[in-house]
Amino acid sequence: MNDWPFSELRQLIDSALEQYLAPQRDVPGRLRDAMHYSLLGPGKRVRPLVVLLASQACSGECAAALPAACAVEMVHAYSLIHDDLPAMDDDDLRRGRPTCHRQFDEATAILAGDALLTLAFEVLTQLAPAALARTCIGELARAAGMAGMVGGQMDDLLAERQQLSADLSTLQHIHQRKTAALFRAATRLGGLIATWDLERTRRELFLAALDEYGAFLGLAFQIADDLLDVEGQEQQTGKRVGKDARRGKLTFPGLLGVAGARQHLMTAYDRAIAALAPLGSPADGLRQLAHFVVQRHT
């Protein structure tokens, strides 16, 4: 993604993430190093940006949503650490650098992922009032858990082992959970924080629009990722390309062909943009982000 327009927000996110990992508690140095390596490595911080931009779309302040943005990025970083392990996708390159278990070792990588996951929920307890914190914790836990991201990862592995039907319905269901669930949580967290004091009916209208946007943005992100694995270069993606086909993964280009996957990508993009109509111009940041996500495959 060239000409990234969200550099200032990314710097805000990175500064906050640094503070959460500051050496102020009794944490083993090697564990902290592994957490820092994976959490603050190169990247666009797309998911925490979604939290902040969703808050802005509801006329909220970035500062209030920043803890939730950091929590989402911690969950995402944990998922990448574990996804790269030999027992999962067995990747040795992530964001142009050795994966966590290659840079450190498998045991340290597992513990770093565990620590980031639990830290995410600790961070969410900072939100106030307490009822908002509880609601946000529940949102992120559901998105990351057995019926969300983890369940989607399990079905992704089962599909790779040809234990699930290789059809579009199965593929979409996998990525509604593996990828889109965390995007949906990101939009809802930002929206909840910005609208908590609004009348409930009005808040639900905001959240419904954001939730639909997050679902289709997550789908678009996954299709673009699949296309990059087919058409991208290692220098561009920061990870090995062509690995999905070698592992027999169920992907959009593999199932629909490149042209079909591109068409599906644009449909998801169009539906994400359409979902934002009730939010008006305050949602322009989310519209711009969706545009850049779609451009990932070019």
C-alpha atoms as a PDB file:
ATOM      1  CA  MET A   1       0.000   0.000   0.000  1.00  0.00           C
ATOM      2  CA  ASN A   2       1.776   3.080  -1.255  1.00  0.00           C
ATOM      3  CA  ASP A   3       1.189   6.642  -0.044  1.00  0.00           C
ATOM      4  CA  TRP A   4      -0.201   5.433   3.270  1.00  0.00           C
ATOM      5  CA  PRO A   5      -2.400   8.284   4.560  1.00  0.00           C
ATOM      6  CA  PHE A   6      -2.613   7.217   8.196  1.00  0.00           C
ATOM      7  CA  SER A   7       0.998   7.647   9.325  1.00  0.00           C
ATOM      8  CA  GLU A   8       0.149   9.982  12.209  1.00  0.00           C
ATOM      9  CA  LEU A   9      -2.452   7.609  13.613  1.00  0.00           C
ATOM     10  CA  ARG A  10      -0.033   4.709  13.247  1.00  0.00           C
ATOM     11  CA  GLN A  11       2.573   6.657  15.241  1.00  0.00           C
ATOM     12  CA  LEU A  12      -0.035   7.274  17.945  1.00  0.00           C
ATOM     13  CA  ILE A  13      -0.815   3.561  18.074  1.00  0.00           C
ATOM     14  CA  ASP A  14       2.852   2.545  18.149  1.00  0.00           C
ATOM     15  CA  SER A  15       3.605   4.988  20.958  1.00  0.00           C
ATOM     16  CA  ALA A  16       0.770   3.554  23.038  1.00  0.00           C
ATOM     17  CA  LEU A  17       1.882  -0.031  22.326  1.00  0.00           C
ATOM     18  CA  GLU A  18       5.417   0.862  23.444  1.00  0.00           C
ATOM     19  CA  GLN A  19       4.027   2.146  26.730  1.00  0.00           C
ATOM     20  CA  TYR A  20       2.131  -1.075  27.385  1.00  0.00           C
ATOM     21  CA  LEU A  21       5.374  -3.029  26.951  1.00  0.00           C
ATOM     22  CA  ALA A  22       7.545  -0.569  28.909  1.00  0.00           C
ATOM     23  CA  PRO A  23       9.886  -2.352  31.372  1.00  0.00           C
ATOM     24  CA  GLN A  24       7.961  -1.363  34.480  1.00  0.00           C
ATOM     25  CA  ARG A  25       6.822  -4.774  35.670  1.00  0.00           C
ATOM     26  CA  ASP A  26       8.520  -8.044  36.545  1.00  0.00           C
ATOM     27  CA  VAL A  27       8.506  -9.542  33.050  1.00  0.00           C
ATOM     28  CA  PRO A  28      11.388 -11.756  31.845  1.00  0.00           C
ATOM     29  CA  GLY A  29      13.476  -9.804  29.362  1.00  0.00           C
ATOM     30  CA  ARG A  30      13.396 -12.500  26.690  1.00  0.00           C
ATOM     31  CA  LEU A  31       9.603 -12.674  26.854  1.00  0.00           C
ATOM     32  CA  ARG A  32       9.285  -8.895  26.586  1.00  0.00           C
ATOM     33  CA  ASP A  33      11.719  -8.861  23.647  1.00  0.00           C
ATOM     34  CA  ALA A  34       9.679 -11.479  21.781  1.00  0.00           C
ATOM     35  CA  MET A  35       6.422  -9.620  22.469  1.00  0.00           C
ATOM     36  CA  HIS A  36       7.924  -6.344  21.308  1.00  0.00           C
ATOM     37  CA  TYR A  37       9.449  -7.960  18.203  1.00  0.00           C
ATOM     38  CA  SER A  38       6.080  -9.252  17.017  1.00  0.00           C
ATOM     39  CA  LEU A  39       3.809  -6.459  18.223  1.00  0.00           C
ATOM     40  CA  LEU A  40       5.859  -3.515  16.971  1.00  0.00           C
ATOM     41  CA  GLY A  41       7.417  -4.953  13.830  1.00  0.00           C
ATOM     42  CA  PRO A  42       6.803  -3.378  10.417  1.00  0.00           C
ATOM     43  CA  GLY A  43       3.138  -3.110   9.476  1.00  0.00           C
ATOM     44  CA  LYS A  44       0.323  -0.707   8.657  1.00  0.00           C
ATOM     45  CA  ARG A  45      -1.652  -1.363  11.901  1.00  0.00           C
ATOM     46  CA  VAL A  46      -4.829  -1.789   9.863  1.00  0.00           C
ATOM     47  CA  ARG A  47      -6.975  -3.328  12.609  1.00  0.00           C
ATOM     48  CA  PRO A  48      -6.224  -0.760  15.326  1.00  0.00           C
ATOM     49  CA  LEU A  49      -6.715   1.945  12.701  1.00  0.00           C
ATOM     50  CA  VAL A  50     -10.190   0.546  12.116  1.00  0.00           C
ATOM     51  CA  VAL A  51     -10.946   1.058  15.829  1.00  0.00           C
ATOM     52  CA  LEU A  52      -9.841   4.693  15.749  1.00  0.00           C
ATOM     53  CA  LEU A  53     -11.523   5.482  12.428  1.00  0.00           C
ATOM     54  CA  ALA A  54     -14.762   3.820  13.567  1.00  0.00           C
ATOM     55  CA  SER A  55     -14.707   6.032  16.629  1.00  0.00           C
ATOM     56  CA  GLN A  56     -14.155   9.087  14.431  1.00  0.00           C
ATOM     57  CA  ALA A  57     -17.047   7.980  12.215  1.00  0.00           C
ATOM     58  CA  CYS A  58     -19.291   8.315  15.277  1.00  0.00           C
ATOM     59  CA  SER A  59     -17.756  11.702  16.219  1.00  0.00           C
ATOM     60  CA  GLY A  60     -15.639  10.143  18.964  1.00  0.00           C
ATOM     61  CA  GLU A  61     -12.122  11.012  20.093  1.00  0.00           C
ATOM     62  CA  CYS A  62      -9.132   8.860  19.134  1.00  0.00           C
ATOM     63  CA  ALA A  63      -7.642   9.116  22.621  1.00  0.00           C
ATOM     64  CA  ALA A  64     -10.659   7.440  24.202  1.00  0.00           C
ATOM     65  CA  ALA A  65     -10.518   4.535  21.723  1.00  0.00           C
ATOM     66  CA  LEU A  66      -6.738   4.071  21.841  1.00  0.00           C
ATOM     67  CA  PRO A  67      -6.690   1.336  24.537  1.00  0.00           C
ATOM     68  CA  ALA A  68      -9.173  -0.709  22.486  1.00  0.00           C
ATOM     69  CA  ALA A  69      -7.112  -0.156  19.344  1.00  0.00           C
ATOM     70  CA  CYS A  70      -4.027  -1.478  21.138  1.00  0.00           C
ATOM     71  CA  ALA A  71      -5.947  -4.467  22.490  1.00  0.00           C
ATOM     72  CA  VAL A  72      -7.065  -5.429  18.988  1.00  0.00           C
ATOM     73  CA  GLU A  73      -3.498  -5.211  17.692  1.00  0.00           C
ATOM     74  CA  MET A  74      -2.267  -7.389  20.557  1.00  0.00           C
ATOM     75  CA  VAL A  75      -4.809 -10.080  19.683  1.00  0.00           C
ATOM     76  CA  HIS A  76      -3.810  -9.835  16.011  1.00  0.00           C
ATOM     77  CA  ALA A  77      -0.084 -10.113  16.834  1.00  0.00           C
ATOM     78  CA  TYR A  78      -0.702 -13.145  19.040  1.00  0.00           C
ATOM     79  CA  SER A  79      -2.649 -14.825  16.245  1.00  0.00           C
ATOM     80  CA  LEU A  80       0.184 -14.274  13.763  1.00  0.00           C
ATOM     81  CA  ILE A  81       2.794 -15.676  16.155  1.00  0.00           C
ATOM     82  CA  HIS A  82       0.784 -18.852  16.664  1.00  0.00           C
ATOM     83  CA  ASP A  83      -0.301 -19.103  13.023  1.00  0.00           C
ATOM     84  CA  ASP A  84       3.355 -19.085  11.916  1.00  0.00           C
ATOM     85  CA  LEU A  85       4.363 -21.989  14.191  1.00  0.00           C
ATOM     86  CA  PRO A  86       5.476 -25.300  12.642  1.00  0.00           C
ATOM     87  CA  ALA A  87       2.311 -27.011  13.884  1.00  0.00           C
ATOM     88  CA  MET A  88       0.196 -24.458  12.034  1.00  0.00           C
ATOM     89  CA  ASP A  89       1.352 -22.755   8.808  1.00  0.00           C
ATOM     90  CA  ASP A  90       5.076 -23.337   9.432  1.00  0.00           C
ATOM     91  CA  ASP A  91       6.217 -19.942   8.129  1.00  0.00           C
ATOM     92  CA  ASP A  92       9.717 -18.567   8.591  1.00  0.00           C
ATOM     93  CA  LEU A  93       9.121 -15.025   7.281  1.00  0.00           C
ATOM     94  CA  ARG A  94       6.663 -12.370   8.453  1.00  0.00           C
ATOM     95  CA  ARG A  95       6.693  -8.680   7.517  1.00  0.00           C
ATOM     96  CA  GLY A  96      10.082  -9.117   5.880  1.00  0.00           C
ATOM     97  CA  ARG A  97      11.719 -10.553   9.015  1.00  0.00           C
ATOM     98  CA  PRO A  98      12.106 -13.987  10.602  1.00  0.00           C
ATOM     99  CA  THR A  99       8.948 -15.120  12.329  1.00  0.00           C
ATOM    100  CA  CYS A 100       8.909 -15.012  16.127  1.00  0.00           C
ATOM    101  CA  HIS A 101       9.728 -18.699  16.598  1.00  0.00           C
ATOM    102  CA  ARG A 102      12.639 -18.366  14.123  1.00  0.00           C
ATOM    103  CA  GLN A 103      14.005 -15.233  15.765  1.00  0.00           C
ATOM    104  CA  PHE A 104      13.684 -16.681  19.276  1.00  0.00           C
ATOM    105  CA  ASP A 105      12.433 -20.278  19.628  1.00  0.00           C
ATOM    106  CA  GLU A 106       9.114 -22.108  19.560  1.00  0.00           C
ATOM    107  CA  ALA A 107       8.514 -22.117  23.305  1.00  0.00           C
ATOM    108  CA  THR A 108       9.267 -18.405  23.608  1.00  0.00           C
ATOM    109  CA  ALA A 109       6.994 -17.652  20.645  1.00  0.00           C
ATOM    110  CA  ILE A 110       4.101 -19.581  22.192  1.00  0.00           C
ATOM    111  CA  LEU A 111       4.532 -17.749  25.489  1.00  0.00           C
ATOM    112  CA  ALA A 112       4.820 -14.373  23.747  1.00  0.00           C
ATOM    113  CA  GLY A 113       1.534 -15.048  21.965  1.00  0.00           C
ATOM    114  CA  ASP A 114      -0.115 -16.122  25.207  1.00  0.00           C
ATOM    115  CA  ALA A 115       1.132 -12.983  26.948  1.00  0.00           C
ATOM    116  CA  LEU A 116      -0.101 -10.651  24.204  1.00  0.00           C
ATOM    117  CA  LEU A 117      -3.542 -12.257  24.222  1.00  0.00           C
ATOM    118  CA  THR A 118      -3.963 -11.857  27.966  1.00  0.00           C
ATOM    119  CA  LEU A 119      -2.482  -8.342  27.961  1.00  0.00           C
ATOM    120  CA  ALA A 120      -5.152  -7.302  25.453  1.00  0.00           C
ATOM    121  CA  PHE A 121      -7.915  -7.970  27.967  1.00  0.00           C
ATOM    122  CA  GLU A 122      -5.977  -6.324  30.773  1.00  0.00           C
ATOM    123  CA  VAL A 123      -5.739  -3.193  28.617  1.00  0.00           C
ATOM    124  CA  LEU A 124      -9.499  -3.175  27.991  1.00  0.00           C
ATOM    125  CA  THR A 125     -10.134  -3.004  31.745  1.00  0.00           C
ATOM    126  CA  GLN A 126      -8.825   0.589  31.574  1.00  0.00           C
ATOM    127  CA  LEU A 127     -11.973   1.681  29.752  1.00  0.00           C
ATOM    128  CA  ALA A 128     -14.599   3.543  31.752  1.00  0.00           C
ATOM    129  CA  PRO A 129     -17.303   3.226  32.841  1.00  0.00           C
ATOM    130  CA  ALA A 130     -17.022  -0.387  33.991  1.00  0.00           C
ATOM    131  CA  ALA A 131     -20.079  -1.410  31.963  1.00  0.00           C
ATOM    132  CA  LEU A 132     -18.360  -0.195  28.778  1.00  0.00           C
ATOM    133  CA  ALA A 133     -15.211  -2.128  29.674  1.00  0.00           C
ATOM    134  CA  ARG A 134     -17.223  -5.316  30.250  1.00  0.00           C
ATOM    135  CA  THR A 135     -19.052  -4.907  26.941  1.00  0.00           C
ATOM    136  CA  CYS A 136     -15.823  -4.326  25.007  1.00  0.00           C
ATOM    137  CA  ILE A 137     -14.115  -7.300  26.674  1.00  0.00           C
ATOM    138  CA  GLY A 138     -17.041  -9.476  25.626  1.00  0.00           C
ATOM    139  CA  GLU A 139     -16.930  -8.188  22.045  1.00  0.00           C
ATOM    140  CA  LEU A 140     -13.231  -8.917  21.632  1.00  0.00           C
ATOM    141  CA  ALA A 141     -13.397 -12.281  23.398  1.00  0.00           C
ATOM    142  CA  ARG A 142     -16.186 -13.498  21.112  1.00  0.00           C
ATOM    143  CA  ALA A 143     -14.384 -12.308  17.996  1.00  0.00           C
ATOM    144  CA  ALA A 144     -11.102 -13.938  18.991  1.00  0.00           C
ATOM    145  CA  GLY A 145     -12.494 -17.156  20.450  1.00  0.00           C
ATOM    146  CA  MET A 146     -13.832 -20.550  19.482  1.00  0.00           C
ATOM    147  CA  ALA A 147     -16.754 -19.249  17.419  1.00  0.00           C
ATOM    148  CA  GLY A 148     -14.645 -16.466  15.909  1.00  0.00           C
ATOM    149  CA  MET A 149     -11.007 -16.265  14.864  1.00  0.00           C
ATOM    150  CA  VAL A 150      -9.829 -19.489  16.522  1.00  0.00           C
ATOM    151  CA  GLY A 151     -12.769 -21.452  15.129  1.00  0.00           C
ATOM    152  CA  GLY A 152     -12.040 -20.059  11.682  1.00  0.00           C
ATOM    153  CA  GLN A 153      -8.392 -21.078  11.993  1.00  0.00           C
ATOM    154  CA  MET A 154      -9.459 -24.601  12.925  1.00  0.00           C
ATOM    155  CA  ASP A 155     -11.705 -24.908   9.883  1.00  0.00           C
ATOM    156  CA  ASP A 156      -8.939 -23.445   7.719  1.00  0.00           C
ATOM    157  CA  LEU A 157      -6.688 -26.307   8.820  1.00  0.00           C
ATOM    158  CA  LEU A 158      -9.472 -28.857   8.263  1.00  0.00           C
ATOM    159  CA  ALA A 159     -10.039 -27.516   4.747  1.00  0.00           C
ATOM    160  CA  GLU A 160      -6.313 -27.779   4.053  1.00  0.00           C
ATOM    161  CA  ARG A 161      -6.516 -31.421   5.125  1.00  0.00           C
ATOM    162  CA  GLN A 162      -9.519 -31.847   2.776  1.00  0.00           C
ATOM    163  CA  GLN A 163     -11.845 -32.594   5.686  1.00  0.00           C
ATOM    164  CA  LEU A 164     -14.305 -29.866   4.662  1.00  0.00           C
ATOM    165  CA  SER A 165     -16.129 -29.221   1.389  1.00  0.00           C
ATOM    166  CA  ALA A 166     -14.074 -27.115  -1.021  1.00  0.00           C
ATOM    167  CA  ASP A 167     -16.840 -24.703  -2.011  1.00  0.00           C
ATOM    168  CA  LEU A 168     -17.498 -20.977  -1.804  1.00  0.00           C
ATOM    169  CA  SER A 169     -19.877 -21.289   1.141  1.00  0.00           C
ATOM    170  CA  THR A 170     -17.229 -23.088   3.211  1.00  0.00           C
ATOM    171  CA  LEU A 171     -14.522 -20.622   2.216  1.00  0.00           C
ATOM    172  CA  GLN A 172     -16.646 -17.597   3.107  1.00  0.00           C
ATOM    173  CA  HIS A 173     -17.669 -19.141   6.422  1.00  0.00           C
ATOM    174  CA  ILE A 174     -14.007 -19.765   7.317  1.00  0.00           C
ATOM    175  CA  HIS A 175     -13.021 -16.169   6.683  1.00  0.00           C
ATOM    176  CA  GLN A 176     -16.118 -14.646   8.233  1.00  0.00           C
ATOM    177  CA  ARG A 177     -14.525 -15.957  11.424  1.00  0.00           C
ATOM    178  CA  LYS A 178     -10.788 -16.267  10.810  1.00  0.00           C
ATOM    179  CA  THR A 179     -10.354 -12.773   9.341  1.00  0.00           C
ATOM    180  CA  ALA A 180     -13.573 -10.750   9.378  1.00  0.00           C
ATOM    181  CA  ALA A 181     -14.503 -11.413  13.017  1.00  0.00           C
ATOM    182  CA  LEU A 182     -11.611  -9.294  14.288  1.00  0.00           C
ATOM    183  CA  PHE A 183     -12.391  -6.505  11.807  1.00  0.00           C
ATOM    184  CA  ARG A 184     -16.001  -6.507  12.983  1.00  0.00           C
ATOM    185  CA  ALA A 185     -14.870  -6.342  16.595  1.00  0.00           C
ATOM    186  CA  ALA A 186     -12.567  -3.439  15.735  1.00  0.00           C
ATOM    187  CA  THR A 187     -15.425  -1.423  14.239  1.00  0.00           C
ATOM    188  CA  ARG A 188     -17.767  -2.240  17.099  1.00  0.00           C
ATOM    189  CA  LEU A 189     -15.225  -1.355  19.781  1.00  0.00           C
ATOM    190  CA  GLY A 190     -14.602   2.043  18.217  1.00  0.00           C
ATOM    191  CA  GLY A 191     -18.319   2.601  17.796  1.00  0.00           C
ATOM    192  CA  LEU A 192     -19.204   1.502  21.317  1.00  0.00           C
ATOM    193  CA  ILE A 193     -16.656   3.813  22.897  1.00  0.00           C
ATOM    194  CA  ALA A 194     -17.816   6.801  20.834  1.00  0.00           C
ATOM    195  CA  THR A 195     -21.560   6.228  21.301  1.00  0.00           C
ATOM    196  CA  TRP A 196     -21.763   4.817  24.825  1.00  0.00           C
ATOM    197  CA  ASP A 197     -23.619   7.864  26.164  1.00  0.00           C
ATOM    198  CA  LEU A 198     -26.087   8.013  23.280  1.00  0.00           C
ATOM    199  CA  GLU A 199     -29.647   6.733  23.412  1.00  0.00           C
ATOM    200  CA  ARG A 200     -29.604   2.975  22.788  1.00  0.00           C
ATOM    201  CA  THR A 201     -31.578   2.967  19.526  1.00  0.00           C
ATOM    202  CA  ARG A 202     -29.283   5.543  17.997  1.00  0.00           C
ATOM    203  CA  ARG A 203     -26.195   3.670  19.187  1.00  0.00           C
ATOM    204  CA  GLU A 204     -27.464   0.450  17.607  1.00  0.00           C
ATOM    205  CA  LEU A 205     -27.923   2.212  14.266  1.00  0.00           C
ATOM    206  CA  PHE A 206     -24.273   3.298  14.330  1.00  0.00           C
ATOM    207  CA  LEU A 207     -23.095  -0.166  15.381  1.00  0.00           C
ATOM    208  CA  ALA A 208     -25.128  -1.966  12.711  1.00  0.00           C
ATOM    209  CA  ALA A 209     -23.547   0.135   9.964  1.00  0.00           C
ATOM    210  CA  LEU A 210     -20.056  -0.344  11.381  1.00  0.00           C
ATOM    211  CA  ASP A 211     -20.554  -4.084  11.869  1.00  0.00           C
ATOM    212  CA  GLU A 212     -21.577  -4.588   8.242  1.00  0.00           C
ATOM    213  CA  TYR A 213     -18.638  -2.498   7.076  1.00  0.00           C
ATOM    214  CA  GLY A 214     -16.258  -4.563   9.210  1.00  0.00           C
ATOM    215  CA  ALA A 215     -17.617  -7.843   7.867  1.00  0.00           C
ATOM    216  CA  PHE A 216     -17.086  -6.861   4.233  1.00  0.00           C
ATOM    217  CA  LEU A 217     -13.801  -5.076   4.882  1.00  0.00           C
ATOM    218  CA  GLY A 218     -12.483  -8.237   6.530  1.00  0.00           C
ATOM    219  CA  LEU A 219     -13.601 -10.322   3.567  1.00  0.00           C
ATOM    220  CA  ALA A 220     -11.971  -7.869   1.136  1.00  0.00           C
ATOM    221  CA  PHE A 221      -8.770  -7.937   3.164  1.00  0.00           C
ATOM    222  CA  GLN A 222      -8.619 -11.737   2.997  1.00  0.00           C
ATOM    223  CA  ILE A 223      -9.281 -11.895  -0.744  1.00  0.00           C
ATOM    224  CA  ALA A 224      -6.581  -9.273  -1.347  1.00  0.00           C
ATOM    225  CA  ASP A 225      -4.218 -11.345   0.808  1.00  0.00           C
ATOM    226  CA  ASP A 226      -5.020 -14.473  -1.195  1.00  0.00           C
ATOM    227  CA  LEU A 227      -4.372 -12.595  -4.447  1.00  0.00           C
ATOM    228  CA  LEU A 228      -1.034 -11.322  -3.144  1.00  0.00           C
ATOM    229  CA  ASP A 229       0.014 -14.893  -2.438  1.00  0.00           C
ATOM    230  CA  VAL A 230      -0.619 -15.678  -6.104  1.00  0.00           C
ATOM    231  CA  GLU A 231       0.526 -12.465  -7.803  1.00  0.00           C
ATOM    232  CA  GLY A 232       2.687 -10.615  -5.264  1.00  0.00           C
ATOM    233  CA  GLN A 233       6.434 -10.517  -4.709  1.00  0.00           C
ATOM    234  CA  GLU A 234       8.176 -11.417  -1.454  1.00  0.00           C
ATOM    235  CA  GLN A 235       9.617  -7.884  -1.196  1.00  0.00           C
ATOM    236  CA  GLN A 236       6.071  -6.507  -1.458  1.00  0.00           C
ATOM    237  CA  THR A 237       4.316  -8.878   0.935  1.00  0.00           C
ATOM    238  CA  GLY A 238       7.084  -9.380   3.493  1.00  0.00           C
ATOM    239  CA  LYS A 239       6.363 -13.119   3.533  1.00  0.00           C
ATOM    240  CA  ARG A 240       6.738 -16.170   1.312  1.00  0.00           C
ATOM    241  CA  VAL A 241       4.427 -16.168  -1.699  1.00  0.00           C
ATOM    242  CA  GLY A 242       2.851 -19.172  -3.403  1.00  0.00           C
ATOM    243  CA  LYS A 243       2.731 -21.053  -0.118  1.00  0.00           C
ATOM    244  CA  ASP A 244      -1.074 -21.386  -0.065  1.00  0.00           C
ATOM    245  CA  ALA A 245      -1.115 -23.437  -3.266  1.00  0.00           C
ATOM    246  CA  ARG A 246       1.819 -25.546  -2.088  1.00  0.00           C
ATOM    247  CA  ARG A 247      -0.003 -26.382   1.139  1.00  0.00           C
ATOM    248  CA  GLY A 248      -3.301 -27.053  -0.620  1.00  0.00           C
ATOM    249  CA  LYS A 249      -5.123 -24.270   1.200  1.00  0.00           C
ATOM    250  CA  LEU A 250      -8.669 -23.328   0.244  1.00  0.00           C
ATOM    251  CA  THR A 251      -8.354 -19.783  -1.157  1.00  0.00           C
ATOM    252  CA  PHE A 252     -10.419 -17.420  -3.279  1.00  0.00           C
ATOM    253  CA  PRO A 253      -8.078 -17.493  -6.326  1.00  0.00           C
ATOM    254  CA  GLY A 254      -7.719 -21.252  -5.999  1.00  0.00           C
ATOM    255  CA  LEU A 255     -11.477 -21.730  -5.980  1.00  0.00           C
ATOM    256  CA  LEU A 256     -12.647 -18.902  -8.263  1.00  0.00           C
ATOM    257  CA  GLY A 257      -9.559 -18.158 -10.338  1.00  0.00           C
ATOM    258  CA  VAL A 258      -7.743 -14.835 -10.215  1.00  0.00           C
ATOM    259  CA  ALA A 259     -10.397 -12.972 -12.221  1.00  0.00           C
ATOM    260  CA  GLY A 260     -13.210 -14.404 -10.122  1.00  0.00           C
ATOM    261  CA  ALA A 261     -11.390 -13.528  -6.903  1.00  0.00           C
ATOM    262  CA  ARG A 262     -10.896  -9.947  -8.109  1.00  0.00           C
ATOM    263  CA  GLN A 263     -14.594  -9.661  -8.895  1.00  0.00           C
ATOM    264  CA  HIS A 264     -15.438 -11.011  -5.434  1.00  0.00           C
ATOM    265  CA  LEU A 265     -12.999  -8.497  -3.920  1.00  0.00           C
ATOM    266  CA  MET A 266     -14.702  -5.562  -5.609  1.00  0.00           C
ATOM    267  CA  THR A 267     -18.137  -6.795  -4.549  1.00  0.00           C
ATOM    268  CA  ALA A 268     -16.975  -6.946  -0.920  1.00  0.00           C
ATOM    269  CA  TYR A 269     -15.467  -3.465  -1.255  1.00  0.00           C
ATOM    270  CA  ASP A 270     -18.669  -2.027  -2.713  1.00  0.00           C
ATOM    271  CA  ARG A 271     -20.751  -3.511   0.091  1.00  0.00           C
ATOM    272  CA  ALA A 272     -18.361  -2.193   2.735  1.00  0.00           C
ATOM    273  CA  ILE A 273     -18.629   1.313   1.296  1.00  0.00           C
ATOM    274  CA  ALA A 274     -22.421   1.071   0.985  1.00  0.00           C
ATOM    275  CA  ALA A 275     -22.689   0.096   4.653  1.00  0.00           C
ATOM    276  CA  LEU A 276     -21.196   3.451   5.666  1.00  0.00           C
ATOM    277  CA  ALA A 277     -23.930   5.545   4.008  1.00  0.00           C
ATOM    278  CA  PRO A 278     -25.827   6.215   7.273  1.00  0.00           C
ATOM    279  CA  LEU A 279     -22.672   7.640   8.861  1.00  0.00           C
ATOM    280  CA  GLY A 280     -22.048  10.379   6.300  1.00  0.00           C
ATOM    281  CA  SER A 281     -18.778  12.266   5.906  1.00  0.00           C
ATOM    282  CA  PRO A 282     -17.380  11.436   9.393  1.00  0.00           C
ATOM    283  CA  ALA A 283     -16.808   7.915   7.994  1.00  0.00           C
ATOM    284  CA  ASP A 284     -14.533   9.118   5.182  1.00  0.00           C
ATOM    285  CA  GLY A 285     -11.502   7.702   6.982  1.00  0.00           C
ATOM    286  CA  LEU A 286     -13.060   4.230   6.868  1.00  0.00           C
ATOM    287  CA  ARG A 287     -13.832   4.709   3.177  1.00  0.00           C
ATOM    288  CA  GLN A 288     -10.234   5.667   2.495  1.00  0.00           C
ATOM    289  CA  LEU A 289      -8.963   2.673   4.443  1.00  0.00           C
ATOM    290  CA  ALA A 290     -11.180   0.316   2.447  1.00  0.00           C
ATOM    291  CA  HIS A 291      -9.761   1.750  -0.775  1.00  0.00           C
ATOM    292  CA  PHE A 292      -6.209   1.017   0.353  1.00  0.00           C
ATOM    293  CA  VAL A 293      -7.128  -2.496   1.457  1.00  0.00           C
ATOM    294  CA  VAL A 294      -8.472  -3.232  -2.022  1.00  0.00           C
ATOM    295  CA  GLN A 295      -5.289  -1.856  -3.583  1.00  0.00           C
ATOM    296  CA  ARG A 296      -3.178  -4.397  -1.675  1.00  0.00           C
ATOM    297  CA  HIS A 297      -3.299  -6.845  -4.602  1.00  0.00           C
ATOM    298  CA  THR A 298      -1.991  -4.358  -7.197  1.00  0.00           C
END
